[in-house]
Amino acid sequence: EKKHAEALDWFARAQAKGFDMALLPAHQGESLFALGQWAQAYQSLSQGLTMPLSLQDQTKFRTLRAEAALALQQYDVALEDFQALLKDSPNNARLLQGLGLSQVGKGNAAAALATFNPLIAQSPSAAAYYGRAMAHLKAGNTAASLQDLDQTIALEPGNPRYREIRAQIAAGKE
């Protein structure tokens, strides 16, 4: 029901009473992720992924863990998770974007561009253009990065963060 803070309280109460359901850590991680508590989410999701899960739950929680790892700049874990997830869903735009950003984080701009170029050709989105902009920036191509950020802003004009990032890069404050 998207009441994540309340859910975390209930999870804590259940644990205090000795309930130890297999999915409890994974669901805690999901709520922590929704609240932007990346480190705790990563920890809970990692614990949850050691439990027996359905393929659907494993995919859901591994995706969240990969995204939490990305937020925590744990690029090796994020890269490994996104690569594993893409084996079952090779055209999933969310997973490809995560893979590309993980590659940027690892400093592999060429691999990131090889991920983002076909993604943009197939399914252009603000997130894909943003990712490619970061790959161009990592490769030292500021002009291409700014062009992709212009495209990002055009696709999501209401997102002020994209404008801030573009202004920082244009000012040479990467």
Foldseek 3Di string as FASTA:
>chain_A
DLPLVVVLVVLVVCVVVPDDDLCSLLSNLVSCLSVVVLVSSLVSLVSSLVGDDDPVSNLVSLLSNLVSCLVVLVLVSNLVSLVVSCVVPVLDLSSLLSNLSSCLSVLNLVVSCVSLVVNCVVPNALSSLQSNLSSCVSVVNLVSSLVSLVVSCVRPVPDVVSVVVSVCSVVVND
